[in-house]
């Protein structure tokens, strides 16, 4: 995580993850993450440069849910 700047208190802005970071958390390839986003399966926002960023809290929650599913 980046250090706080100017000694200001941290704000409550949501944290976002890159496609590669999401891929690592979900144990899938970055292409799969991009495909799921296009299909509406993952929430995301686009940066001004056109890159997808995924809300960290929601992705971590999804990753936790996937780990808890029975493998029957």
PDB file of N, CA and C in Angstrom:
ATOM      1  N   UNK A   1       0.832  -1.184   0.000  1.00  0.00           N
ATOM      2  CA  UNK A   1       0.000   0.000   0.000  1.00  0.00           C
ATOM      3  C   UNK A   1       0.876   1.246   0.000  1.00  0.00           C
ATOM      4  N   UNK A   2       0.392   2.284  -0.588  1.00  0.00           N
ATOM      5  CA  UNK A   2       1.149   3.522  -0.649  1.00  0.00           C
ATOM      6  C   UNK A   2       1.108   4.235   0.697  1.00  0.00           C
ATOM      7  N   UNK A   3       2.147   4.951   0.993  1.00  0.00           N
ATOM      8  CA  UNK A   3       2.205   5.718   2.236  1.00  0.00           C
ATOM      9  C   UNK A   3       1.278   6.921   2.132  1.00  0.00           C
ATOM     10  N   UNK A   4       0.803   7.373   3.271  1.00  0.00           N
ATOM     11  CA  UNK A   4      -0.052   8.554   3.280  1.00  0.00           C
ATOM     12  C   UNK A   4       0.777   9.765   2.892  1.00  0.00           C
ATOM     13  N   UNK A   5       0.177  10.670   2.149  1.00  0.00           N
ATOM     14  CA  UNK A   5       0.891  11.859   1.701  1.00  0.00           C
ATOM     15  C   UNK A   5       0.571  13.048   2.589  1.00  0.00           C
ATOM     16  N   UNK A   6       1.518  13.931   2.736  1.00  0.00           N
ATOM     17  CA  UNK A   6       1.361  15.220   3.424  1.00  0.00           C
ATOM     18  C   UNK A   6       0.910  15.086   4.866  1.00  0.00           C
ATOM     19  N   UNK A   7       1.016  13.920   5.461  1.00  0.00           N
ATOM     20  CA  UNK A   7       0.623  13.747   6.842  1.00  0.00           C
ATOM     21  C   UNK A   7      -0.876  13.842   7.070  1.00  0.00           C
ATOM     22  N   UNK A   8      -1.661  13.862   6.009  1.00  0.00           N
ATOM     23  CA  UNK A   8      -3.118  13.944   6.152  1.00  0.00           C
ATOM     24  C   UNK A   8      -3.669  12.587   6.556  1.00  0.00           C
ATOM     25  N   UNK A   9      -4.785  12.612   7.257  1.00  0.00           N
ATOM     26  CA  UNK A   9      -5.446  11.363   7.648  1.00  0.00           C
ATOM     27  C   UNK A   9      -5.979  10.666   6.402  1.00  0.00           C
ATOM     28  N   UNK A  10      -6.011   9.354   6.456  1.00  0.00           N
ATOM     29  CA  UNK A  10      -6.525   8.573   5.325  1.00  0.00           C
ATOM     30  C   UNK A  10      -7.999   8.902   5.115  1.00  0.00           C
ATOM     31  N   UNK A  11      -8.397   8.992   3.865  1.00  0.00           N
ATOM     32  CA  UNK A  11      -9.798   9.241   3.545  1.00  0.00           C
ATOM     33  C   UNK A  11     -10.510   7.912   3.365  1.00  0.00           C
ATOM     34  N   UNK A  12     -11.815   7.957   3.274  1.00  0.00           N
ATOM     35  CA  UNK A  12     -12.607   6.749   3.145  1.00  0.00           C
ATOM     36  C   UNK A  12     -12.928   6.425   1.689  1.00  0.00           C
ATOM     37  N   UNK A  13     -12.029   6.761   0.799  1.00  0.00           N
ATOM     38  CA  UNK A  13     -12.247   6.430  -0.600  1.00  0.00           C
ATOM     39  C   UNK A  13     -12.086   4.933  -0.787  1.00  0.00           C
ATOM     40  N   UNK A  14     -12.958   4.326  -1.607  1.00  0.00           N
ATOM     41  CA  UNK A  14     -12.820   2.891  -1.825  1.00  0.00           C
ATOM     42  C   UNK A  14     -11.508   2.570  -2.534  1.00  0.00           C
ATOM     43  N   UNK A  15     -10.981   1.406  -2.256  1.00  0.00           N
ATOM     44  CA  UNK A  15      -9.744   0.961  -2.867  1.00  0.00           C
ATOM     45  C   UNK A  15     -10.080   0.090  -4.081  1.00  0.00           C
ATOM     46  N   UNK A  16      -9.282   0.213  -5.130  1.00  0.00           N
ATOM     47  CA  UNK A  16      -9.522  -0.547  -6.353  1.00  0.00           C
ATOM     48  C   UNK A  16      -8.322  -1.416  -6.694  1.00  0.00           C
ATOM     49  N   UNK A  17      -8.586  -2.530  -7.363  1.00  0.00           N
ATOM     50  CA  UNK A  17      -7.558  -3.473  -7.772  1.00  0.00           C
ATOM     51  C   UNK A  17      -7.426  -3.494  -9.286  1.00  0.00           C
ATOM     52  N   UNK A  18      -6.239  -3.826  -9.756  1.00  0.00           N
ATOM     53  CA  UNK A  18      -6.017  -3.987 -11.193  1.00  0.00           C
ATOM     54  C   UNK A  18      -6.493  -5.375 -11.622  1.00  0.00           C
ATOM     55  N   UNK A  19      -6.556  -5.589 -12.914  1.00  0.00           N
ATOM     56  CA  UNK A  19      -6.954  -6.884 -13.459  1.00  0.00           C
ATOM     57  C   UNK A  19      -6.030  -7.991 -12.960  1.00  0.00           C
ATOM     58  N   UNK A  20      -4.738  -7.747 -12.943  1.00  0.00           N
ATOM     59  CA  UNK A  20      -3.779  -8.746 -12.489  1.00  0.00           C
ATOM     60  C   UNK A  20      -3.946  -9.089 -11.025  1.00  0.00           C
ATOM     61  N   UNK A  21      -4.230  -8.081 -10.201  1.00  0.00           N
ATOM     62  CA  UNK A  21      -4.436  -8.322  -8.774  1.00  0.00           C
ATOM     63  C   UNK A  21      -5.690  -9.166  -8.535  1.00  0.00           C
ATOM     64  N   UNK A  22      -6.751  -8.869  -9.279  1.00  0.00           N
ATOM     65  CA  UNK A  22      -7.987  -9.650  -9.169  1.00  0.00           C
ATOM     66  C   UNK A  22      -7.733 -11.085  -9.613  1.00  0.00           C
ATOM     67  N   UNK A  23      -6.993 -11.246 -10.693  1.00  0.00           N
ATOM     68  CA  UNK A  23      -6.674 -12.590 -11.190  1.00  0.00           C
ATOM     69  C   UNK A  23      -5.959 -13.399 -10.113  1.00  0.00           C
ATOM     70  N   UNK A  24      -5.023 -12.786  -9.415  1.00  0.00           N
ATOM     71  CA  UNK A  24      -4.300 -13.465  -8.350  1.00  0.00           C
ATOM     72  C   UNK A  24      -5.205 -13.861  -7.199  1.00  0.00           C
ATOM     73  N   UNK A  25      -6.103 -12.969  -6.802  1.00  0.00           N
ATOM     74  CA  UNK A  25      -7.013 -13.256  -5.693  1.00  0.00           C
ATOM     75  C   UNK A  25      -7.994 -14.371  -6.030  1.00  0.00           C
ATOM     76  N   UNK A  26      -8.442 -14.407  -7.284  1.00  0.00           N
ATOM     77  CA  UNK A  26      -9.444 -15.396  -7.689  1.00  0.00           C
ATOM     78  C   UNK A  26      -8.821 -16.643  -8.309  1.00  0.00           C
ATOM     79  N   UNK A  27      -7.514 -16.672  -8.428  1.00  0.00           N
ATOM     80  CA  UNK A  27      -6.783 -17.815  -9.017  1.00  0.00           C
ATOM     81  C   UNK A  27      -7.252 -18.141 -10.429  1.00  0.00           C
ATOM     82  N   UNK A  28      -7.394 -17.090 -11.239  1.00  0.00           N
ATOM     83  CA  UNK A  28      -7.736 -17.244 -12.655  1.00  0.00           C
ATOM     84  C   UNK A  28      -6.785 -16.356 -13.458  1.00  0.00           C
ATOM     85  N   UNK A  29      -6.839 -16.462 -14.762  1.00  0.00           N
ATOM     86  CA  UNK A  29      -5.969 -15.638 -15.604  1.00  0.00           C
ATOM     87  C   UNK A  29      -6.545 -14.223 -15.740  1.00  0.00           C
ATOM     88  N   UNK A  30      -5.690 -13.250 -16.051  1.00  0.00           N
ATOM     89  CA  UNK A  30      -6.196 -11.891 -16.300  1.00  0.00           C
ATOM     90  C   UNK A  30      -7.223 -11.849 -17.437  1.00  0.00           C
ATOM     91  N   UNK A  31      -7.067 -12.699 -18.432  1.00  0.00           N
ATOM     92  CA  UNK A  31      -8.050 -12.733 -19.536  1.00  0.00           C
ATOM     93  C   UNK A  31      -9.417 -13.162 -19.032  1.00  0.00           C
ATOM     94  N   UNK A  32      -9.432 -14.102 -18.073  1.00  0.00           N
ATOM     95  CA  UNK A  32     -10.708 -14.542 -17.498  1.00  0.00           C
ATOM     96  C   UNK A  32     -11.356 -13.401 -16.734  1.00  0.00           C
ATOM     97  N   UNK A  33     -10.571 -12.651 -15.986  1.00  0.00           N
ATOM     98  CA  UNK A  33     -11.103 -11.497 -15.244  1.00  0.00           C
ATOM     99  C   UNK A  33     -11.719 -10.501 -16.224  1.00  0.00           C
ATOM    100  N   UNK A  34     -11.019 -10.198 -17.303  1.00  0.00           N
ATOM    101  CA  UNK A  34     -11.544  -9.256 -18.299  1.00  0.00           C
ATOM    102  C   UNK A  34     -12.830  -9.776 -18.935  1.00  0.00           C
ATOM    103  N   UNK A  35     -12.864 -11.056 -19.236  1.00  0.00           N
ATOM    104  CA  UNK A  35     -14.058 -11.648 -19.842  1.00  0.00           C
ATOM    105  C   UNK A  35     -15.235 -11.579 -18.874  1.00  0.00           C
ATOM    106  N   UNK A  36     -15.001 -11.923 -17.599  1.00  0.00           N
ATOM    107  CA  UNK A  36     -16.074 -11.860 -16.607  1.00  0.00           C
ATOM    108  C   UNK A  36     -16.592 -10.434 -16.451  1.00  0.00           C
ATOM    109  N   UNK A  37     -15.701  -9.463 -16.516  1.00  0.00           N
ATOM    110  CA  UNK A  37     -16.127  -8.068 -16.414  1.00  0.00           C
ATOM    111  C   UNK A  37     -17.014  -7.694 -17.605  1.00  0.00           C
ATOM    112  N   UNK A  38     -16.588  -8.088 -18.805  1.00  0.00           N
ATOM    113  CA  UNK A  38     -17.385  -7.797 -20.010  1.00  0.00           C
ATOM    114  C   UNK A  38     -18.756  -8.454 -19.944  1.00  0.00           C
ATOM    115  N   UNK A  39     -18.815  -9.647 -19.321  1.00  0.00           N
ATOM    116  CA  UNK A  39     -20.076 -10.385 -19.198  1.00  0.00           C
ATOM    117  C   UNK A  39     -20.939  -9.889 -18.043  1.00  0.00           C
ATOM    118  N   UNK A  40     -20.433  -8.923 -17.284  1.00  0.00           N
ATOM    119  CA  UNK A  40     -21.200  -8.366 -16.179  1.00  0.00           C
ATOM    120  C   UNK A  40     -21.118  -9.181 -14.901  1.00  0.00           C
ATOM    121  N   UNK A  41     -20.190 -10.109 -14.830  1.00  0.00           N
ATOM    122  CA  UNK A  41     -20.056 -10.963 -13.645  1.00  0.00           C
ATOM    123  C   UNK A  41     -19.223 -10.316 -12.546  1.00  0.00           C
ATOM    124  N   UNK A  42     -18.421  -9.309 -12.887  1.00  0.00           N
ATOM    125  CA  UNK A  42     -17.591  -8.615 -11.910  1.00  0.00           C
ATOM    126  C   UNK A  42     -17.853  -7.117 -12.004  1.00  0.00           C
ATOM    127  N   UNK A  43     -17.974  -6.439 -10.857  1.00  0.00           N
ATOM    128  CA  UNK A  43     -18.142  -4.986 -10.878  1.00  0.00           C
ATOM    129  C   UNK A  43     -16.805  -4.312 -11.212  1.00  0.00           C
ATOM    130  N   UNK A  44     -16.856  -3.232 -11.971  1.00  0.00           N
ATOM    131  CA  UNK A  44     -15.631  -2.502 -12.289  1.00  0.00           C
ATOM    132  C   UNK A  44     -15.958  -1.074 -12.669  1.00  0.00           C
ATOM    133  N   UNK A  45     -14.918  -0.253 -12.685  1.00  0.00           N
ATOM    134  CA  UNK A  45     -15.015   1.102 -13.227  1.00  0.00           C
ATOM    135  C   UNK A  45     -13.844   1.250 -14.186  1.00  0.00           C
ATOM    136  N   UNK A  46     -13.938   2.195 -15.088  1.00  0.00           N
ATOM    137  CA  UNK A  46     -12.834   2.420 -16.022  1.00  0.00           C
ATOM    138  C   UNK A  46     -12.113   3.710 -15.658  1.00  0.00           C
ATOM    139  N   UNK A  47     -10.791   3.658 -15.757  1.00  0.00           N
ATOM    140  CA  UNK A  47      -9.993   4.849 -15.509  1.00  0.00           C
ATOM    141  C   UNK A  47     -10.086   5.767 -16.724  1.00  0.00           C
ATOM    142  N   UNK A  48      -9.561   6.971 -16.598  1.00  0.00           N
ATOM    143  CA  UNK A  48      -9.549   7.882 -17.741  1.00  0.00           C
ATOM    144  C   UNK A  48      -8.741   7.304 -18.895  1.00  0.00           C
ATOM    145  N   UNK A  49      -7.780   6.452 -18.581  1.00  0.00           N
ATOM    146  CA  UNK A  49      -6.965   5.818 -19.614  1.00  0.00           C
ATOM    147  C   UNK A  49      -7.607   4.579 -20.211  1.00  0.00           C
ATOM    148  N   UNK A  50      -8.795   4.209 -19.730  1.00  0.00           N
ATOM    149  CA  UNK A  50      -9.523   3.076 -20.283  1.00  0.00           C
ATOM    150  C   UNK A  50      -9.225   1.734 -19.629  1.00  0.00           C
ATOM    151  N   UNK A  51      -8.504   1.748 -18.516  1.00  0.00           N
ATOM    152  CA  UNK A  51      -8.195   0.499 -17.816  1.00  0.00           C
ATOM    153  C   UNK A  51      -9.294   0.182 -16.811  1.00  0.00           C
ATOM    154  N   UNK A  52      -9.591  -1.094 -16.644  1.00  0.00           N
ATOM    155  CA  UNK A  52     -10.586  -1.496 -15.655  1.00  0.00           C
ATOM    156  C   UNK A  52      -9.958  -1.537 -14.268  1.00  0.00           C
ATOM    157  N   UNK A  53     -10.724  -1.091 -13.280  1.00  0.00           N
ATOM    158  CA  UNK A  53     -10.338  -1.197 -11.881  1.00  0.00           C
ATOM    159  C   UNK A  53     -11.535  -1.788 -11.145  1.00  0.00           C
ATOM    160  N   UNK A  54     -11.238  -2.699 -10.240  1.00  0.00           N
ATOM    161  CA  UNK A  54     -12.272  -3.477  -9.559  1.00  0.00           C
ATOM    162  C   UNK A  54     -12.314  -3.100  -8.081  1.00  0.00           C
ATOM    163  N   UNK A  55     -13.511  -2.914  -7.503  1.00  0.00           N
ATOM    164  CA  UNK A  55     -13.602  -2.528  -6.089  1.00  0.00           C
ATOM    165  C   UNK A  55     -13.054  -3.635  -5.187  1.00  0.00           C
ATOM    166  N   UNK A  56     -12.026  -3.306  -4.421  1.00  0.00           N
ATOM    167  CA  UNK A  56     -11.316  -4.305  -3.625  1.00  0.00           C
ATOM    168  C   UNK A  56     -12.230  -5.033  -2.643  1.00  0.00           C
ATOM    169  N   UNK A  57     -13.082  -4.308  -1.936  1.00  0.00           N
ATOM    170  CA  UNK A  57     -13.940  -4.936  -0.927  1.00  0.00           C
ATOM    171  C   UNK A  57     -14.845  -5.990  -1.556  1.00  0.00           C
ATOM    172  N   UNK A  58     -15.444  -5.668  -2.696  1.00  0.00           N
ATOM    173  CA  UNK A  58     -16.358  -6.607  -3.353  1.00  0.00           C
ATOM    174  C   UNK A  58     -15.608  -7.824  -3.913  1.00  0.00           C
ATOM    175  N   UNK A  59     -14.429  -7.607  -4.441  1.00  0.00           N
ATOM    176  CA  UNK A  59     -13.652  -8.715  -5.003  1.00  0.00           C
ATOM    177  C   UNK A  59     -13.172  -9.637  -3.886  1.00  0.00           C
ATOM    178  N   UNK A  60     -12.715  -9.067  -2.777  1.00  0.00           N
ATOM    179  CA  UNK A  60     -12.270  -9.899  -1.647  1.00  0.00           C
ATOM    180  C   UNK A  60     -13.435 -10.697  -1.061  1.00  0.00           C
ATOM    181  N   UNK A  61     -14.615 -10.082  -1.015  1.00  0.00           N
ATOM    182  CA  UNK A  61     -15.809 -10.780  -0.530  1.00  0.00           C
ATOM    183  C   UNK A  61     -16.132 -11.961  -1.457  1.00  0.00           C
ATOM    184  N   UNK A  62     -16.066 -11.739  -2.759  1.00  0.00           N
ATOM    185  CA  UNK A  62     -16.311 -12.799  -3.733  1.00  0.00           C
ATOM    186  C   UNK A  62     -15.285 -13.921  -3.578  1.00  0.00           C
ATOM    187  N   UNK A  63     -14.032 -13.562  -3.413  1.00  0.00           N
ATOM    188  CA  UNK A  63     -12.977 -14.558  -3.247  1.00  0.00           C
ATOM    189  C   UNK A  63     -13.228 -15.400  -1.997  1.00  0.00           C
ATOM    190  N   UNK A  64     -13.662 -14.765  -0.900  1.00  0.00           N
ATOM    191  CA  UNK A  64     -13.968 -15.493   0.327  1.00  0.00           C
ATOM    192  C   UNK A  64     -15.132 -16.456   0.111  1.00  0.00           C
ATOM    193  N   UNK A  65     -16.175 -15.998  -0.598  1.00  0.00           N
ATOM    194  CA  UNK A  65     -17.326 -16.848  -0.886  1.00  0.00           C
ATOM    195  C   UNK A  65     -16.914 -18.053  -1.722  1.00  0.00           C
ATOM    196  N   UNK A  66     -16.065 -17.833  -2.709  1.00  0.00           N
ATOM    197  CA  UNK A  66     -15.643 -18.939  -3.571  1.00  0.00           C
ATOM    198  C   UNK A  66     -14.817 -19.971  -2.799  1.00  0.00           C
ATOM    199  N   UNK A  67     -14.035 -19.512  -1.831  1.00  0.00           N
ATOM    200  CA  UNK A  67     -13.229 -20.436  -1.017  1.00  0.00           C
ATOM    201  C   UNK A  67     -14.100 -21.274  -0.091  1.00  0.00           C
ATOM    202  N   UNK A  68     -15.279 -20.750   0.298  1.00  0.00           N
ATOM    203  CA  UNK A  68     -16.128 -21.444   1.254  1.00  0.00           C
ATOM    204  C   UNK A  68     -17.102 -22.420   0.597  1.00  0.00           C
ATOM    205  N   UNK A  69     -17.268 -22.355  -0.725  1.00  0.00           N
ATOM    206  CA  UNK A  69     -18.199 -23.265  -1.391  1.00  0.00           C
ATOM    207  C   UNK A  69     -17.738 -24.696  -1.274  1.00  0.00           C
ATOM    208  N   UNK A  70     -18.668 -25.624  -1.011  1.00  0.00           N
ATOM    209  CA  UNK A  70     -18.281 -27.035  -0.950  1.00  0.00           C
ATOM    210  C   UNK A  70     -17.846 -27.530  -2.320  1.00  0.00           C
ATOM    211  N   UNK A  71     -16.920 -28.458  -2.335  1.00  0.00           N
ATOM    212  CA  UNK A  71     -16.400 -28.992  -3.601  1.00  0.00           C
ATOM    213  C   UNK A  71     -16.998 -30.352  -3.923  1.00  0.00           C
ATOM    214  N   UNK A  72     -18.256 -30.545  -3.549  1.00  0.00           N
ATOM    215  CA  UNK A  72     -18.920 -31.844  -3.764  1.00  0.00           C
ATOM    216  C   UNK A  72     -19.313 -32.046  -5.192  1.00  0.00           C
TER     217      UNK A  72
END
